[in-house]
Amino acid sequence: MVWGLYQGILLVAYRIFSPVIAALRGLLAGVGRAWTLVSIVVTFQFACLGWLIFRADSVGQSLGYLHRIVFELGDTSAAVKDLVRLACYVTPLLAIQVAKEVSGDMHVLDRLSWWGKGILFLIMAVLLATAGASGGRTFIYFQF
């Protein structure tokens, strides 16, 4: 119910602000893919805000979460630790994509030797095995 209400409010807001959105799109039209990047970032932020509604036990708690996210940054060492961990997961995948793009060969991994593939698959398996949550509440979908 709440998720549907949230989505409905977003759709109504989109319709109301369509002229403003069109004007912004026109301003960014000459900057290549800038509009696409802005659209992706804004959509992702609204999706995260919607997830916040599900994460909280009440409206007051979700407003408290939102207030802390925006105004109370506090100790950022945990965020830096998480970003380093994320970079460790993303870097090998990004390197593969760059290798494919630079070589123009989408099957660049198929051309690796057997030991090269083995090392790559071992790295990916270790990253996958260590990617789990280290604590906290139950995953949101298991709460229903």
Protein backbone atom coordinates (compact mmCIF):
# COMPACT_ATOMS: atom_id res chain seq x y z
CA MET A 1 0.00 0.00 0.00
CA VAL A 2 2.66 2.49 1.06
CA TRP A 3 4.90 1.59 -1.89
CA GLY A 4 2.03 2.11 -4.34
CA LEU A 5 1.17 5.44 -2.73
CA TYR A 6 4.81 6.52 -2.98
CA GLN A 7 4.97 5.51 -6.66
CA GLY A 8 1.70 7.34 -7.33
CA ILE A 9 2.99 10.52 -5.69
CA LEU A 10 6.15 10.31 -7.82
CA LEU A 11 4.10 9.91 -11.01
CA VAL A 12 1.87 12.88 -10.12
CA ALA A 13 4.95 14.99 -9.31
CA TYR A 14 6.50 13.97 -12.62
CA ARG A 15 3.38 15.10 -14.49
CA ILE A 16 3.26 18.40 -12.61
CA PHE A 17 6.94 19.14 -13.17
CA SER A 18 7.08 17.92 -16.81
CA PRO A 19 7.58 21.47 -18.18
CA VAL A 20 10.52 22.04 -15.82
CA ILE A 21 11.98 18.64 -16.70
CA ALA A 22 11.64 19.41 -20.43
CA ALA A 23 13.43 22.74 -19.93
CA LEU A 24 16.28 21.05 -18.08
CA ARG A 25 16.52 18.43 -20.80
CA GLY A 26 16.79 21.23 -23.36
CA LEU A 27 19.58 22.91 -21.38
CA LEU A 28 21.58 19.70 -21.19
CA ALA A 29 20.89 18.59 -24.78
CA GLY A 30 24.19 19.96 -26.10
CA VAL A 31 26.32 18.30 -23.43
CA GLY A 32 26.24 14.79 -24.82
CA ARG A 33 25.01 12.20 -22.37
CA ALA A 34 24.62 14.63 -19.46
CA TRP A 35 20.82 14.33 -19.42
CA THR A 36 21.03 10.54 -19.29
CA LEU A 37 23.46 10.70 -16.37
CA VAL A 38 21.31 13.22 -14.47
CA SER A 39 18.20 11.09 -15.09
CA ILE A 40 19.88 7.95 -13.79
CA VAL A 41 21.20 9.65 -10.65
CA VAL A 42 17.86 11.32 -9.82
CA THR A 43 15.86 8.13 -10.43
CA PHE A 44 18.26 6.14 -8.24
CA GLN A 45 17.89 8.67 -5.42
CA PHE A 46 14.09 8.44 -5.54
CA ALA A 47 14.31 4.63 -5.54
CA CYS A 48 16.59 4.76 -2.47
CA LEU A 49 14.15 7.11 -0.77
CA GLY A 50 11.38 4.60 -1.46
CA TRP A 51 13.48 1.79 0.05
CA LEU A 52 13.91 3.93 3.14
CA ILE A 53 10.13 3.82 3.60
CA PHE A 54 10.24 0.02 3.69
CA ARG A 55 13.28 -0.12 5.94
CA ALA A 56 11.69 1.99 8.67
CA ASP A 57 9.09 0.68 11.10
CA SER A 58 7.15 3.96 11.11
CA VAL A 59 6.88 7.28 9.28
CA GLY A 60 8.65 8.99 12.16
CA GLN A 61 11.53 6.55 11.95
CA SER A 62 11.85 7.03 8.18
CA LEU A 63 11.91 10.83 8.68
CA GLY A 64 14.56 10.33 11.36
CA TYR A 65 16.63 8.22 8.96
CA LEU A 66 16.27 10.86 6.26
CA HIS A 67 17.29 13.63 8.66
CA ARG A 68 20.40 11.70 9.72
CA ILE A 69 21.33 10.94 6.10
CA VAL A 70 21.12 14.58 5.08
CA PHE A 71 22.27 16.48 8.16
CA GLU A 72 24.21 14.19 10.51
CA LEU A 73 27.16 12.77 8.62
CA GLY A 74 29.13 12.00 11.78
CA ASP A 75 31.94 9.48 11.54
CA THR A 76 32.55 8.62 7.89
CA SER A 77 35.15 5.91 8.52
CA ALA A 78 32.56 3.15 8.02
CA ALA A 79 31.51 4.72 4.71
CA VAL A 80 35.12 4.92 3.56
CA LYS A 81 35.63 1.27 4.55
CA ASP A 82 32.53 0.29 2.56
CA LEU A 83 33.69 2.29 -0.47
CA VAL A 84 37.09 0.57 -0.40
CA ARG A 85 35.36 -2.80 -0.17
CA LEU A 86 33.06 -1.87 -3.06
CA ALA A 87 36.06 -0.74 -5.12
CA CYS A 88 37.65 -4.16 -4.56
CA TYR A 89 34.55 -5.81 -6.00
CA VAL A 90 34.05 -3.42 -8.89
CA THR A 91 37.65 -3.00 -10.09
CA PRO A 92 38.08 -6.49 -11.63
CA LEU A 93 34.71 -6.25 -13.39
CA LEU A 94 35.51 -2.77 -14.64
CA ALA A 95 38.91 -3.96 -15.87
CA ILE A 96 37.20 -6.69 -17.88
CA GLN A 97 34.81 -4.19 -19.43
CA VAL A 98 37.67 -1.81 -20.29
CA ALA A 99 39.64 -4.67 -21.86
CA LYS A 100 36.61 -5.60 -23.97
CA GLU A 101 36.05 -2.00 -25.06
CA VAL A 102 39.71 -1.25 -25.85
CA SER A 103 40.26 -4.48 -27.78
CA GLY A 104 36.89 -4.30 -29.52
CA ASP A 105 36.57 -8.00 -28.76
CA MET A 106 33.59 -8.97 -26.63
CA HIS A 107 35.06 -12.48 -26.24
CA VAL A 108 38.39 -11.35 -24.81
CA LEU A 109 37.94 -13.65 -21.79
CA ASP A 110 37.45 -16.65 -24.07
CA ARG A 111 40.92 -16.06 -25.48
CA LEU A 112 42.67 -16.22 -22.09
CA SER A 113 44.83 -19.25 -21.34
CA TRP A 114 43.45 -21.88 -18.98
CA TRP A 115 45.52 -20.58 -16.04
CA GLY A 116 44.50 -16.97 -16.78
CA LYS A 117 40.84 -17.98 -16.70
CA GLY A 118 41.48 -19.98 -13.53
CA ILE A 119 43.04 -17.04 -11.72
CA LEU A 120 40.27 -14.71 -12.88
CA PHE A 121 37.54 -17.14 -11.82
CA LEU A 122 39.26 -17.70 -8.46
CA ILE A 123 39.38 -13.94 -7.83
CA MET A 124 35.69 -13.61 -8.76
CA ALA A 125 34.72 -16.59 -6.57
CA VAL A 126 36.57 -15.12 -3.56
CA LEU A 127 34.92 -11.74 -4.12
CA LEU A 128 31.52 -13.38 -4.40
CA ALA A 129 32.07 -15.46 -1.27
CA THR A 130 33.11 -12.42 0.77
CA ALA A 131 30.36 -10.09 -0.49
CA GLY A 132 27.79 -11.01 2.13
CA ALA A 133 26.51 -8.75 4.88
CA SER A 134 28.52 -8.78 8.06
CA GLY A 135 25.67 -7.99 10.45
CA GLY A 136 22.55 -5.92 10.84
CA ARG A 137 18.91 -6.69 10.29
CA THR A 138 17.40 -9.37 8.10
CA PHE A 139 17.29 -8.60 4.39
CA ILE A 140 14.21 -6.49 3.65
CA TYR A 141 12.43 -9.07 1.47
CA PHE A 142 12.60 -11.68 4.21
CA GLN A 143 10.74 -9.41 6.64
CA PHE A 144 7.35 -9.90 4.96
